[in-house]
């Protein structure tokens, strides 16, 4: 499956978007979920925390990442583990778009009706 064949989601400000390309029923894998994530130059994502482990493989750009209050520089070629329960945020202070592959293992649970609403919605192609 090609990345362009998967629905793209974005935040309302359109400073970040992602495609989840490793997800059931598209890929018969129950152990992980993953895809491509893009963050515009000068943008940041909302602070987040998950109840499952997440891994980033940085493929383009550079940024600052905060993991439980510890700030680090990341750039193309780096791999980052975001452990379950870790508060994290990306700030793209570079000149180029930040692009990374993300993997969750196991997949995060589906959102419940009582959860905070998602800031992501289907997005038209750029």
PDB file of N, CA and C in Angstrom:
ATOM      1  N   UNK A   1       0.837  -1.175   0.000  1.00  0.00           N
ATOM      2  CA  UNK A   1       0.000   0.000   0.000  1.00  0.00           C
ATOM      3  C   UNK A   1       0.884   1.240   0.000  1.00  0.00           C
ATOM      4  N   UNK A   2       0.520   2.218  -0.808  1.00  0.00           N
ATOM      5  CA  UNK A   2       1.263   3.474  -0.875  1.00  0.00           C
ATOM      6  C   UNK A   2       0.721   4.457   0.150  1.00  0.00           C
ATOM      7  N   UNK A   3       1.631   5.281   0.671  1.00  0.00           N
ATOM      8  CA  UNK A   3       1.233   6.273   1.670  1.00  0.00           C
ATOM      9  C   UNK A   3       0.108   7.163   1.146  1.00  0.00           C
ATOM     10  N   UNK A   4       0.165   7.555  -0.102  1.00  0.00           N
ATOM     11  CA  UNK A   4      -0.840   8.450  -0.676  1.00  0.00           C
ATOM     12  C   UNK A   4      -2.225   7.813  -0.748  1.00  0.00           C
ATOM     13  N   UNK A   5      -2.318   6.490  -0.626  1.00  0.00           N
ATOM     14  CA  UNK A   5      -3.599   5.803  -0.685  1.00  0.00           C
ATOM     15  C   UNK A   5      -4.332   5.786   0.653  1.00  0.00           C
ATOM     16  N   UNK A   6      -3.681   6.273   1.721  1.00  0.00           N
ATOM     17  CA  UNK A   6      -4.261   6.237   3.058  1.00  0.00           C
ATOM     18  C   UNK A   6      -4.766   7.621   3.426  1.00  0.00           C
ATOM     19  N   UNK A   7      -5.933   7.686   4.067  1.00  0.00           N
ATOM     20  CA  UNK A   7      -6.506   8.971   4.461  1.00  0.00           C
ATOM     21  C   UNK A   7      -5.546   9.738   5.363  1.00  0.00           C
ATOM     22  N   UNK A   8      -5.420  11.013   5.096  1.00  0.00           N
ATOM     23  CA  UNK A   8      -4.534  11.881   5.872  1.00  0.00           C
ATOM     24  C   UNK A   8      -5.364  12.605   6.928  1.00  0.00           C
ATOM     25  N   UNK A   9      -4.826  12.692   8.149  1.00  0.00           N
ATOM     26  CA  UNK A   9      -5.467  13.425   9.233  1.00  0.00           C
ATOM     27  C   UNK A   9      -4.578  14.585   9.627  1.00  0.00           C
ATOM     28  N   UNK A  10      -5.189  15.669  10.107  1.00  0.00           N
ATOM     29  CA  UNK A  10      -4.419  16.858  10.475  1.00  0.00           C
ATOM     30  C   UNK A  10      -5.075  17.564  11.650  1.00  0.00           C
ATOM     31  N   UNK A  11      -4.289  18.390  12.346  1.00  0.00           N
ATOM     32  CA  UNK A  11      -4.910  19.219  13.365  1.00  0.00           C
ATOM     33  C   UNK A  11      -5.571  20.403  12.684  1.00  0.00           C
ATOM     34  N   UNK A  12      -6.450  21.072  13.407  1.00  0.00           N
ATOM     35  CA  UNK A  12      -7.246  22.144  12.803  1.00  0.00           C
ATOM     36  C   UNK A  12      -6.368  23.263  12.243  1.00  0.00           C
ATOM     37  N   UNK A  13      -5.211  23.510  12.831  1.00  0.00           N
ATOM     38  CA  UNK A  13      -4.321  24.566  12.351  1.00  0.00           C
ATOM     39  C   UNK A  13      -3.504  24.112  11.142  1.00  0.00           C
ATOM     40  N   UNK A  14      -3.534  22.832  10.811  1.00  0.00           N
ATOM     41  CA  UNK A  14      -2.829  22.263   9.665  1.00  0.00           C
ATOM     42  C   UNK A  14      -1.313  22.437   9.761  1.00  0.00           C
ATOM     43  N   UNK A  15      -0.780  22.481  10.976  1.00  0.00           N
ATOM     44  CA  UNK A  15       0.667  22.548  11.137  1.00  0.00           C
ATOM     45  C   UNK A  15       1.282  21.167  11.251  1.00  0.00           C
ATOM     46  N   UNK A  16       0.442  20.154  11.391  1.00  0.00           N
ATOM     47  CA  UNK A  16       0.934  18.786  11.458  1.00  0.00           C
ATOM     48  C   UNK A  16      -0.105  17.880  10.824  1.00  0.00           C
ATOM     49  N   UNK A  17       0.362  16.787  10.240  1.00  0.00           N
ATOM     50  CA  UNK A  17      -0.564  15.787   9.704  1.00  0.00           C
ATOM     51  C   UNK A  17       0.098  14.418   9.758  1.00  0.00           C
ATOM     52  N   UNK A  18      -0.734  13.390   9.678  1.00  0.00           N
ATOM     53  CA  UNK A  18      -0.212  12.031   9.730  1.00  0.00           C
ATOM     54  C   UNK A  18      -1.092  11.091   8.927  1.00  0.00           C
ATOM     55  N   UNK A  19      -0.494   9.980   8.553  1.00  0.00           N
ATOM     56  CA  UNK A  19      -1.199   8.861   7.928  1.00  0.00           C
ATOM     57  C   UNK A  19      -0.828   7.612   8.708  1.00  0.00           C
ATOM     58  N   UNK A  20      -1.828   6.873   9.146  1.00  0.00           N
ATOM     59  CA  UNK A  20      -1.572   5.619   9.843  1.00  0.00           C
ATOM     60  C   UNK A  20      -1.622   4.514   8.805  1.00  0.00           C
ATOM     61  N   UNK A  21      -0.457   4.004   8.428  1.00  0.00           N
ATOM     62  CA  UNK A  21      -0.373   3.032   7.338  1.00  0.00           C
ATOM     63  C   UNK A  21      -0.251   1.593   7.819  1.00  0.00           C
ATOM     64  N   UNK A  22       0.075   1.391   9.093  1.00  0.00           N
ATOM     65  CA  UNK A  22       0.121   0.033   9.655  1.00  0.00           C
ATOM     66  C   UNK A  22      -0.997  -0.092  10.671  1.00  0.00           C
ATOM     67  N   UNK A  23      -2.157  -0.487  10.216  1.00  0.00           N
ATOM     68  CA  UNK A  23      -3.322  -0.604  11.090  1.00  0.00           C
ATOM     69  C   UNK A  23      -4.264  -1.655  10.523  1.00  0.00           C
ATOM     70  N   UNK A  24      -4.920  -2.396  11.384  1.00  0.00           N
ATOM     71  CA  UNK A  24      -5.912  -3.352  10.934  1.00  0.00           C
ATOM     72  C   UNK A  24      -7.095  -2.607  10.374  1.00  0.00           C
ATOM     73  N   UNK A  25      -7.818  -3.023   9.372  1.00  0.00           N
ATOM     74  CA  UNK A  25      -7.681  -4.270   8.643  1.00  0.00           C
ATOM     75  C   UNK A  25      -6.732  -4.170   7.454  1.00  0.00           C
ATOM     76  N   UNK A  26      -6.110  -3.004   7.234  1.00  0.00           N
ATOM     77  CA  UNK A  26      -5.226  -2.849   6.086  1.00  0.00           C
ATOM     78  C   UNK A  26      -4.043  -3.808   6.173  1.00  0.00           C
ATOM     79  N   UNK A  27      -3.406  -3.868   7.328  1.00  0.00           N
ATOM     80  CA  UNK A  27      -2.262  -4.747   7.545  1.00  0.00           C
ATOM     81  C   UNK A  27      -2.630  -5.716   8.671  1.00  0.00           C
ATOM     82  N   UNK A  28      -2.498  -7.012   8.467  1.00  0.00           N
ATOM     83  CA  UNK A  28      -2.944  -7.982   9.487  1.00  0.00           C
ATOM     84  C   UNK A  28      -1.956  -8.115  10.651  1.00  0.00           C
ATOM     85  N   UNK A  29      -1.731  -7.013  11.365  1.00  0.00           N
ATOM     86  CA  UNK A  29      -0.813  -7.013  12.499  1.00  0.00           C
ATOM     87  C   UNK A  29      -1.566  -6.489  13.716  1.00  0.00           C
ATOM     88  N   UNK A  30      -1.581  -7.259  14.788  1.00  0.00           N
ATOM     89  CA  UNK A  30      -2.241  -6.827  16.008  1.00  0.00           C
ATOM     90  C   UNK A  30      -1.271  -6.240  17.020  1.00  0.00           C
ATOM     91  N   UNK A  31       0.041  -6.377  16.790  1.00  0.00           N
ATOM     92  CA  UNK A  31       1.040  -6.008  17.789  1.00  0.00           C
ATOM     93  C   UNK A  31       1.478  -4.549  17.714  1.00  0.00           C
ATOM     94  N   UNK A  32       1.183  -3.856  16.605  1.00  0.00           N
ATOM     95  CA  UNK A  32       1.643  -2.476  16.499  1.00  0.00           C
ATOM     96  C   UNK A  32       0.754  -1.669  15.580  1.00  0.00           C
ATOM     97  N   UNK A  33       0.933  -0.354  15.656  1.00  0.00           N
ATOM     98  CA  UNK A  33       0.281   0.586  14.744  1.00  0.00           C
ATOM     99  C   UNK A  33       1.330   1.622  14.386  1.00  0.00           C
ATOM    100  N   UNK A  34       1.349   2.052  13.150  1.00  0.00           N
ATOM    101  CA  UNK A  34       2.359   3.023  12.747  1.00  0.00           C
ATOM    102  C   UNK A  34       1.977   3.780  11.512  1.00  0.00           C
ATOM    103  N   UNK A  35       2.801   4.744  11.177  1.00  0.00           N
ATOM    104  CA  UNK A  35       2.559   5.548   9.993  1.00  0.00           C
ATOM    105  C   UNK A  35       3.561   6.678   9.879  1.00  0.00           C
ATOM    106  N   UNK A  36       3.214   7.655   9.064  1.00  0.00           N
ATOM    107  CA  UNK A  36       4.069   8.810   8.785  1.00  0.00           C
ATOM    108  C   UNK A  36       3.495  10.035   9.465  1.00  0.00           C
ATOM    109  N   UNK A  37       4.379  10.883  10.028  1.00  0.00           N
ATOM    110  CA  UNK A  37       3.978  12.095  10.726  1.00  0.00           C
ATOM    111  C   UNK A  37       4.791  13.262  10.173  1.00  0.00           C
ATOM    112  N   UNK A  38       4.124  14.390   9.927  1.00  0.00           N
ATOM    113  CA  UNK A  38       4.761  15.588   9.383  1.00  0.00           C
ATOM    114  C   UNK A  38       4.434  16.774  10.293  1.00  0.00           C
ATOM    115  N   UNK A  39       5.458  17.572  10.630  1.00  0.00           N
ATOM    116  CA  UNK A  39       5.278  18.761  11.455  1.00  0.00           C
ATOM    117  C   UNK A  39       5.964  19.929  10.757  1.00  0.00           C
ATOM    118  N   UNK A  40       5.196  20.971  10.461  1.00  0.00           N
ATOM    119  CA  UNK A  40       5.701  22.121   9.711  1.00  0.00           C
ATOM    120  C   UNK A  40       6.788  22.866  10.476  1.00  0.00           C
ATOM    121  N   UNK A  41       7.657  23.528   9.748  1.00  0.00           N
ATOM    122  CA  UNK A  41       8.689  24.381  10.338  1.00  0.00           C
ATOM    123  C   UNK A  41       8.022  25.444  11.206  1.00  0.00           C
ATOM    124  N   UNK A  42       8.549  25.644  12.410  1.00  0.00           N
ATOM    125  CA  UNK A  42       8.003  26.637  13.322  1.00  0.00           C
ATOM    126  C   UNK A  42       6.810  26.176  14.134  1.00  0.00           C
ATOM    127  N   UNK A  43       6.362  24.953  13.927  1.00  0.00           N
ATOM    128  CA  UNK A  43       5.162  24.445  14.608  1.00  0.00           C
ATOM    129  C   UNK A  43       5.526  23.504  15.754  1.00  0.00           C
ATOM    130  N   UNK A  44       4.550  23.243  16.599  1.00  0.00           N
ATOM    131  CA  UNK A  44       4.696  22.235  17.649  1.00  0.00           C
ATOM    132  C   UNK A  44       3.406  21.447  17.739  1.00  0.00           C
ATOM    133  N   UNK A  45       3.501  20.235  18.254  1.00  0.00           N
ATOM    134  CA  UNK A  45       2.291  19.457  18.472  1.00  0.00           C
ATOM    135  C   UNK A  45       1.829  19.704  19.908  1.00  0.00           C
ATOM    136  N   UNK A  46       0.563  19.424  20.226  1.00  0.00           N
ATOM    137  CA  UNK A  46       0.106  19.582  21.597  1.00  0.00           C
ATOM    138  C   UNK A  46       0.845  18.597  22.508  1.00  0.00           C
ATOM    139  N   UNK A  47       1.118  18.969  23.771  1.00  0.00           N
ATOM    140  CA  UNK A  47       1.711  18.003  24.697  1.00  0.00           C
ATOM    141  C   UNK A  47       0.822  16.762  24.746  1.00  0.00           C
ATOM    142  N   UNK A  48       1.436  15.592  24.860  1.00  0.00           N
ATOM    143  CA  UNK A  48       0.676  14.345  24.794  1.00  0.00           C
ATOM    144  C   UNK A  48       1.271  13.323  25.745  1.00  0.00           C
ATOM    145  N   UNK A  49       0.489  12.298  26.054  1.00  0.00           N
ATOM    146  CA  UNK A  49       0.946  11.141  26.823  1.00  0.00           C
ATOM    147  C   UNK A  49       0.104   9.957  26.373  1.00  0.00           C
ATOM    148  N   UNK A  50       0.732   8.785  26.231  1.00  0.00           N
ATOM    149  CA  UNK A  50       0.036   7.562  25.808  1.00  0.00           C
ATOM    150  C   UNK A  50       0.218   6.490  26.874  1.00  0.00           C
ATOM    151  N   UNK A  51      -0.653   5.509  26.851  1.00  0.00           N
ATOM    152  CA  UNK A  51      -0.513   4.396  27.792  1.00  0.00           C
ATOM    153  C   UNK A  51       0.203   3.202  27.157  1.00  0.00           C
ATOM    154  N   UNK A  52       0.819   3.433  25.992  1.00  0.00           N
ATOM    155  CA  UNK A  52       1.615   2.406  25.310  1.00  0.00           C
ATOM    156  C   UNK A  52       2.921   3.036  24.834  1.00  0.00           C
ATOM    157  N   UNK A  53       3.929   2.213  24.561  1.00  0.00           N
ATOM    158  CA  UNK A  53       5.209   2.710  24.050  1.00  0.00           C
ATOM    159  C   UNK A  53       5.054   3.202  22.620  1.00  0.00           C
ATOM    160  N   UNK A  54       5.857   4.227  22.272  1.00  0.00           N
ATOM    161  CA  UNK A  54       5.877   4.766  20.917  1.00  0.00           C
ATOM    162  C   UNK A  54       7.339   4.976  20.515  1.00  0.00           C
ATOM    163  N   UNK A  55       7.648   4.730  19.248  1.00  0.00           N
ATOM    164  CA  UNK A  55       8.993   4.932  18.726  1.00  0.00           C
ATOM    165  C   UNK A  55       8.900   5.861  17.523  1.00  0.00           C
ATOM    166  N   UNK A  56       9.844   6.815  17.443  1.00  0.00           N
ATOM    167  CA  UNK A  56       9.957   7.708  16.292  1.00  0.00           C
ATOM    168  C   UNK A  56      11.244   7.377  15.544  1.00  0.00           C
ATOM    169  N   UNK A  57      11.166   7.305  14.224  1.00  0.00           N
ATOM    170  CA  UNK A  57      12.330   7.218  13.349  1.00  0.00           C
ATOM    171  C   UNK A  57      12.326   8.511  12.533  1.00  0.00           C
ATOM    172  N   UNK A  58      13.250   9.418  12.831  1.00  0.00           N
ATOM    173  CA  UNK A  58      13.275  10.724  12.186  1.00  0.00           C
ATOM    174  C   UNK A  58      13.898  10.562  10.801  1.00  0.00           C
ATOM    175  N   UNK A  59      13.158  10.952   9.754  1.00  0.00           N
ATOM    176  CA  UNK A  59      13.639  10.779   8.384  1.00  0.00           C
ATOM    177  C   UNK A  59      14.025  12.089   7.718  1.00  0.00           C
ATOM    178  N   UNK A  60      13.517  13.219   8.248  1.00  0.00           N
ATOM    179  CA  UNK A  60      13.818  14.512   7.627  1.00  0.00           C
ATOM    180  C   UNK A  60      13.658  15.613   8.669  1.00  0.00           C
ATOM    181  N   UNK A  61      14.508  16.608   8.615  1.00  0.00           N
ATOM    182  CA  UNK A  61      14.372  17.782   9.464  1.00  0.00           C
ATOM    183  C   UNK A  61      15.043  17.627  10.816  1.00  0.00           C
ATOM    184  N   UNK A  62      14.762  18.593  11.676  1.00  0.00           N
ATOM    185  CA  UNK A  62      15.298  18.582  13.030  1.00  0.00           C
ATOM    186  C   UNK A  62      14.278  19.269  13.936  1.00  0.00           C
ATOM    187  N   UNK A  63      14.367  18.985  15.222  1.00  0.00           N
ATOM    188  CA  UNK A  63      13.405  19.546  16.168  1.00  0.00           C
ATOM    189  C   UNK A  63      13.944  19.391  17.579  1.00  0.00           C
ATOM    190  N   UNK A  64      13.215  19.973  18.501  1.00  0.00           N
ATOM    191  CA  UNK A  64      13.466  19.744  19.912  1.00  0.00           C
ATOM    192  C   UNK A  64      12.328  18.869  20.413  1.00  0.00           C
ATOM    193  N   UNK A  65      12.669  17.859  21.210  1.00  0.00           N
ATOM    194  CA  UNK A  65      11.653  17.016  21.814  1.00  0.00           C
ATOM    195  C   UNK A  65      11.770  17.134  23.324  1.00  0.00           C
ATOM    196  N   UNK A  66      10.623  17.211  23.977  1.00  0.00           N
ATOM    197  CA  UNK A  66      10.592  17.214  25.438  1.00  0.00           C
ATOM    198  C   UNK A  66       9.988  15.888  25.893  1.00  0.00           C
ATOM    199  N   UNK A  67      10.724  15.192  26.745  1.00  0.00           N
ATOM    200  CA  UNK A  67      10.282  13.912  27.302  1.00  0.00           C
ATOM    201  C   UNK A  67      10.298  14.040  28.826  1.00  0.00           C
ATOM    202  N   UNK A  68       9.114  14.119  29.448  1.00  0.00           N
ATOM    203  CA  UNK A  68       9.000  14.303  30.900  1.00  0.00           C
ATOM    204  C   UNK A  68       9.886  15.438  31.398  1.00  0.00           C
ATOM    205  N   UNK A  69       9.881  16.569  30.686  1.00  0.00           N
ATOM    206  CA  UNK A  69      10.610  17.757  31.105  1.00  0.00           C
ATOM    207  C   UNK A  69      12.052  17.828  30.627  1.00  0.00           C
ATOM    208  N   UNK A  70      12.586  16.735  30.080  1.00  0.00           N
ATOM    209  CA  UNK A  70      13.962  16.711  29.565  1.00  0.00           C
ATOM    210  C   UNK A  70      13.934  17.074  28.081  1.00  0.00           C
ATOM    211  N   UNK A  71      14.627  18.143  27.703  1.00  0.00           N
ATOM    212  CA  UNK A  71      14.637  18.596  26.309  1.00  0.00           C
ATOM    213  C   UNK A  71      15.882  18.087  25.603  1.00  0.00           C
ATOM    214  N   UNK A  72      15.680  17.589  24.365  1.00  0.00           N
ATOM    215  CA  UNK A  72      16.780  17.058  23.548  1.00  0.00           C
ATOM    216  C   UNK A  72      16.608  17.517  22.112  1.00  0.00           C
ATOM    217  N   UNK A  73      17.730  17.591  21.371  1.00  0.00           N
ATOM    218  CA  UNK A  73      17.704  17.865  19.944  1.00  0.00           C
ATOM    219  C   UNK A  73      17.607  16.540  19.204  1.00  0.00           C
ATOM    220  N   UNK A  74      16.781  16.508  18.181  1.00  0.00           N
ATOM    221  CA  UNK A  74      16.681  15.329  17.322  1.00  0.00           C
ATOM    222  C   UNK A  74      16.769  15.791  15.874  1.00  0.00           C
ATOM    223  N   UNK A  75      17.255  14.890  15.010  1.00  0.00           N
ATOM    224  CA  UNK A  75      17.357  15.222  13.588  1.00  0.00           C
ATOM    225  C   UNK A  75      17.331  13.936  12.777  1.00  0.00           C
ATOM    226  N   UNK A  76      17.297  14.104  11.460  1.00  0.00           N
ATOM    227  CA  UNK A  76      17.228  12.963  10.545  1.00  0.00           C
ATOM    228  C   UNK A  76      18.275  11.926  10.923  1.00  0.00           C
ATOM    229  N   UNK A  77      17.846  10.671  10.988  1.00  0.00           N
ATOM    230  CA  UNK A  77      18.719   9.565  11.357  1.00  0.00           C
ATOM    231  C   UNK A  77      18.568   9.136  12.807  1.00  0.00           C
ATOM    232  N   UNK A  78      17.925   9.964  13.635  1.00  0.00           N
ATOM    233  CA  UNK A  78      17.740   9.618  15.050  1.00  0.00           C
ATOM    234  C   UNK A  78      16.527   8.721  15.248  1.00  0.00           C
ATOM    235  N   UNK A  79      16.587   7.928  16.314  1.00  0.00           N
ATOM    236  CA  UNK A  79      15.464   7.101  16.765  1.00  0.00           C
ATOM    237  C   UNK A  79      15.161   7.501  18.193  1.00  0.00           C
ATOM    238  N   UNK A  80      13.876   7.686  18.519  1.00  0.00           N
ATOM    239  CA  UNK A  80      13.465   8.123  19.841  1.00  0.00           C
ATOM    240  C   UNK A  80      12.439   7.143  20.396  1.00  0.00           C
ATOM    241  N   UNK A  81      12.651   6.686  21.633  1.00  0.00           N
ATOM    242  CA  UNK A  81      11.659   5.881  22.342  1.00  0.00           C
ATOM    243  C   UNK A  81      10.893   6.800  23.281  1.00  0.00           C
ATOM    244  N   UNK A  82       9.571   6.806  23.156  1.00  0.00           N
ATOM    245  CA  UNK A  82       8.697   7.527  24.075  1.00  0.00           C
ATOM    246  C   UNK A  82       7.981   6.455  24.895  1.00  0.00           C
ATOM    247  N   UNK A  83       8.456   6.204  26.127  1.00  0.00           N
ATOM    248  CA  UNK A  83       7.858   5.128  26.919  1.00  0.00           C
ATOM    249  C   UNK A  83       6.409   5.436  27.305  1.00  0.00           C
ATOM    250  N   UNK A  84       5.636   4.423  27.550  1.00  0.00           N
ATOM    251  CA  UNK A  84       4.266   4.582  28.034  1.00  0.00           C
ATOM    252  C   UNK A  84       4.284   5.472  29.269  1.00  0.00           C
ATOM    253  N   UNK A  85       3.348   6.408  29.339  1.00  0.00           N
ATOM    254  CA  UNK A  85       3.233   7.291  30.487  1.00  0.00           C
ATOM    255  C   UNK A  85       4.126   8.518  30.435  1.00  0.00           C
ATOM    256  N   UNK A  86       4.948   8.658  29.406  1.00  0.00           N
ATOM    257  CA  UNK A  86       5.881   9.783  29.283  1.00  0.00           C
ATOM    258  C   UNK A  86       5.179  10.972  28.622  1.00  0.00           C
ATOM    259  N   UNK A  87       5.190  12.118  29.278  1.00  0.00           N
ATOM    260  CA  UNK A  87       4.664  13.340  28.677  1.00  0.00           C
ATOM    261  C   UNK A  87       5.672  13.814  27.630  1.00  0.00           C
ATOM    262  N   UNK A  88       5.194  14.104  26.426  1.00  0.00           N
ATOM    263  CA  UNK A  88       6.107  14.461  25.344  1.00  0.00           C
ATOM    264  C   UNK A  88       5.511  15.513  24.422  1.00  0.00           C
ATOM    265  N   UNK A  89       6.418  16.246  23.765  1.00  0.00           N
ATOM    266  CA  UNK A  89       6.017  17.269  22.811  1.00  0.00           C
ATOM    267  C   UNK A  89       7.170  17.520  21.853  1.00  0.00           C
ATOM    268  N   UNK A  90       6.836  17.760  20.593  1.00  0.00           N
ATOM    269  CA  UNK A  90       7.807  18.110  19.560  1.00  0.00           C
ATOM    270  C   UNK A  90       7.671  19.583  19.209  1.00  0.00           C
ATOM    271  N   UNK A  91       8.790  20.276  19.048  1.00  0.00           N
ATOM    272  CA  UNK A  91       8.827  21.662  18.589  1.00  0.00           C
ATOM    273  C   UNK A  91       9.774  21.705  17.393  1.00  0.00           C
ATOM    274  N   UNK A  92       9.232  21.989  16.220  1.00  0.00           N
ATOM    275  CA  UNK A  92      10.061  22.062  15.015  1.00  0.00           C
ATOM    276  C   UNK A  92      10.617  23.478  14.903  1.00  0.00           C
ATOM    277  N   UNK A  93      11.818  23.657  15.435  1.00  0.00           N
ATOM    278  CA  UNK A  93      12.472  24.958  15.361  1.00  0.00           C
ATOM    279  C   UNK A  93      13.463  25.019  14.201  1.00  0.00           C
ATOM    280  N   UNK A  94      13.393  24.044  13.316  1.00  0.00           N
ATOM    281  CA  UNK A  94      14.249  24.013  12.141  1.00  0.00           C
ATOM    282  C   UNK A  94      13.617  24.751  10.974  1.00  0.00           C
ATOM    283  N   UNK A  95      14.354  24.816   9.879  1.00  0.00           N
ATOM    284  CA  UNK A  95      13.879  25.510   8.686  1.00  0.00           C
ATOM    285  C   UNK A  95      13.039  24.625   7.773  1.00  0.00           C
ATOM    286  N   UNK A  96      13.079  23.309   7.980  1.00  0.00           N
ATOM    287  CA  UNK A  96      12.383  22.370   7.115  1.00  0.00           C
ATOM    288  C   UNK A  96      11.305  21.614   7.880  1.00  0.00           C
ATOM    289  N   UNK A  97      10.387  21.030   7.139  1.00  0.00           N
ATOM    290  CA  UNK A  97       9.371  20.171   7.734  1.00  0.00           C
ATOM    291  C   UNK A  97      10.046  18.997   8.448  1.00  0.00           C
ATOM    292  N   UNK A  98       9.546  18.638   9.617  1.00  0.00           N
ATOM    293  CA  UNK A  98       9.997  17.439  10.323  1.00  0.00           C
ATOM    294  C   UNK A  98       9.144  16.271   9.840  1.00  0.00           C
ATOM    295  N   UNK A  99       9.789  15.189   9.420  1.00  0.00           N
ATOM    296  CA  UNK A  99       9.075  13.995   8.966  1.00  0.00           C
ATOM    297  C   UNK A  99       9.608  12.818   9.765  1.00  0.00           C
ATOM    298  N   UNK A 100       8.694  11.995  10.279  1.00  0.00           N
ATOM    299  CA  UNK A 100       9.106  10.821  11.032  1.00  0.00           C
ATOM    300  C   UNK A 100       8.132   9.679  10.808  1.00  0.00           C
ATOM    301  N   UNK A 101       8.630   8.481  11.036  1.00  0.00           N
ATOM    302  CA  UNK A 101       7.793   7.281  11.076  1.00  0.00           C
ATOM    303  C   UNK A 101       7.525   7.016  12.541  1.00  0.00           C
ATOM    304  N   UNK A 102       6.262   6.776  12.902  1.00  0.00           N
ATOM    305  CA  UNK A 102       5.926   6.458  14.284  1.00  0.00           C
ATOM    306  C   UNK A 102       5.394   5.034  14.374  1.00  0.00           C
ATOM    307  N   UNK A 103       5.710   4.375  15.471  1.00  0.00           N
ATOM    308  CA  UNK A 103       5.197   3.032  15.752  1.00  0.00           C
ATOM    309  C   UNK A 103       4.726   2.978  17.196  1.00  0.00           C
ATOM    310  N   UNK A 104       3.528   2.472  17.412  1.00  0.00           N
ATOM    311  CA  UNK A 104       3.004   2.190  18.745  1.00  0.00           C
ATOM    312  C   UNK A 104       3.022   0.682  18.931  1.00  0.00           C
ATOM    313  N   UNK A 105       3.419   0.234  20.115  1.00  0.00           N
ATOM    314  CA  UNK A 105       3.331  -1.191  20.412  1.00  0.00           C
ATOM    315  C   UNK A 105       3.046  -1.376  21.894  1.00  0.00           C
ATOM    316  N   UNK A 106       1.926  -2.027  22.206  1.00  0.00           N
ATOM    317  CA  UNK A 106       0.844  -2.449  21.309  1.00  0.00           C
ATOM    318  C   UNK A 106       0.082  -1.226  20.808  1.00  0.00           C
ATOM    319  N   UNK A 107      -0.865  -1.418  19.885  1.00  0.00           N
ATOM    320  CA  UNK A 107      -1.643  -0.273  19.412  1.00  0.00           C
ATOM    321  C   UNK A 107      -2.386   0.387  20.565  1.00  0.00           C
ATOM    322  N   UNK A 108      -2.516   1.719  20.545  1.00  0.00           N
ATOM    323  CA  UNK A 108      -3.298   2.375  21.597  1.00  0.00           C
ATOM    324  C   UNK A 108      -4.752   1.960  21.509  1.00  0.00           C
ATOM    325  N   UNK A 109      -5.425   2.046  22.637  1.00  0.00           N
ATOM    326  CA  UNK A 109      -6.854   1.684  22.660  1.00  0.00           C
ATOM    327  C   UNK A 109      -7.654   2.700  21.857  1.00  0.00           C
ATOM    328  N   UNK A 110      -8.781   2.286  21.311  1.00  0.00           N
ATOM    329  CA  UNK A 110      -9.633   3.239  20.582  1.00  0.00           C
ATOM    330  C   UNK A 110     -10.160   4.306  21.543  1.00  0.00           C
ATOM    331  N   UNK A 111     -10.437   5.479  21.018  1.00  0.00           N
ATOM    332  CA  UNK A 111     -11.014   6.545  21.844  1.00  0.00           C
ATOM    333  C   UNK A 111     -12.411   6.160  22.308  1.00  0.00           C
ATOM    334  N   UNK A 112     -12.718   6.534  23.550  1.00  0.00           N
ATOM    335  CA  UNK A 112     -14.050   6.323  24.114  1.00  0.00           C
ATOM    336  C   UNK A 112     -14.859   7.606  23.963  1.00  0.00           C
ATOM    337  N   UNK A 113     -16.182   7.493  24.030  1.00  0.00           N
ATOM    338  CA  UNK A 113     -17.047   8.667  23.911  1.00  0.00           C
ATOM    339  C   UNK A 113     -16.763   9.684  25.012  1.00  0.00           C
ATOM    340  N   UNK A 114     -16.272   9.224  26.153  1.00  0.00           N
ATOM    341  CA  UNK A 114     -15.989  10.117  27.276  1.00  0.00           C
ATOM    342  C   UNK A 114     -14.606  10.754  27.211  1.00  0.00           C
ATOM    343  N   UNK A 115     -13.753  10.326  26.265  1.00  0.00           N
ATOM    344  CA  UNK A 115     -12.421  10.905  26.116  1.00  0.00           C
ATOM    345  C   UNK A 115     -12.519  12.325  25.562  1.00  0.00           C
ATOM    346  N   UNK A 116     -11.467  13.095  25.786  1.00  0.00           N
ATOM    347  CA  UNK A 116     -11.399  14.427  25.185  1.00  0.00           C
ATOM    348  C   UNK A 116     -11.473  14.278  23.670  1.00  0.00           C
ATOM    349  N   UNK A 117     -12.148  15.198  23.004  1.00  0.00           N
ATOM    350  CA  UNK A 117     -12.241  15.075  21.534  1.00  0.00           C
ATOM    351  C   UNK A 117     -10.880  15.189  20.878  1.00  0.00           C
ATOM    352  N   UNK A 118     -10.708  14.492  19.790  1.00  0.00           N
ATOM    353  CA  UNK A 118      -9.466  14.538  19.037  1.00  0.00           C
ATOM    354  C   UNK A 118      -9.363  15.875  18.307  1.00  0.00           C
ATOM    355  N   UNK A 119      -8.155  16.420  18.248  1.00  0.00           N
ATOM    356  CA  UNK A 119      -7.930  17.658  17.501  1.00  0.00           C
ATOM    357  C   UNK A 119      -7.654  17.350  16.030  1.00  0.00           C
ATOM    358  N   UNK A 120      -7.726  16.072  15.660  1.00  0.00           N
ATOM    359  CA  UNK A 120      -7.417  15.683  14.300  1.00  0.00           C
ATOM    360  C   UNK A 120      -8.695  15.371  13.531  1.00  0.00           C
ATOM    361  N   UNK A 121      -8.673  15.704  12.253  1.00  0.00           N
ATOM    362  CA  UNK A 121      -9.801  15.436  11.376  1.00  0.00           C
ATOM    363  C   UNK A 121      -9.259  15.125   9.986  1.00  0.00           C
ATOM    364  N   UNK A 122     -10.048  14.450   9.169  1.00  0.00           N
ATOM    365  CA  UNK A 122      -9.559  14.186   7.806  1.00  0.00           C
ATOM    366  C   UNK A 122      -9.165  15.486   7.130  1.00  0.00           C
ATOM    367  N   UNK A 123      -8.079  15.437   6.383  1.00  0.00           N
ATOM    368  CA  UNK A 123      -7.547  16.647   5.756  1.00  0.00           C
ATOM    369  C   UNK A 123      -7.420  16.470   4.263  1.00  0.00           C
ATOM    370  N   UNK A 124      -7.708  17.524   3.511  1.00  0.00           N
ATOM    371  CA  UNK A 124      -7.502  17.435   2.065  1.00  0.00           C
ATOM    372  C   UNK A 124      -6.017  17.336   1.763  1.00  0.00           C
ATOM    373  N   UNK A 125      -5.704  16.783   0.634  1.00  0.00           N
ATOM    374  CA  UNK A 125      -4.294  16.699   0.226  1.00  0.00           C
ATOM    375  C   UNK A 125      -3.749  18.094   0.012  1.00  0.00           C
ATOM    376  N   UNK A 126      -2.482  18.271   0.374  1.00  0.00           N
ATOM    377  CA  UNK A 126      -1.840  19.590   0.224  1.00  0.00           C
ATOM    378  C   UNK A 126      -1.569  19.871  -1.239  1.00  0.00           C
TER     379      UNK A 126
END
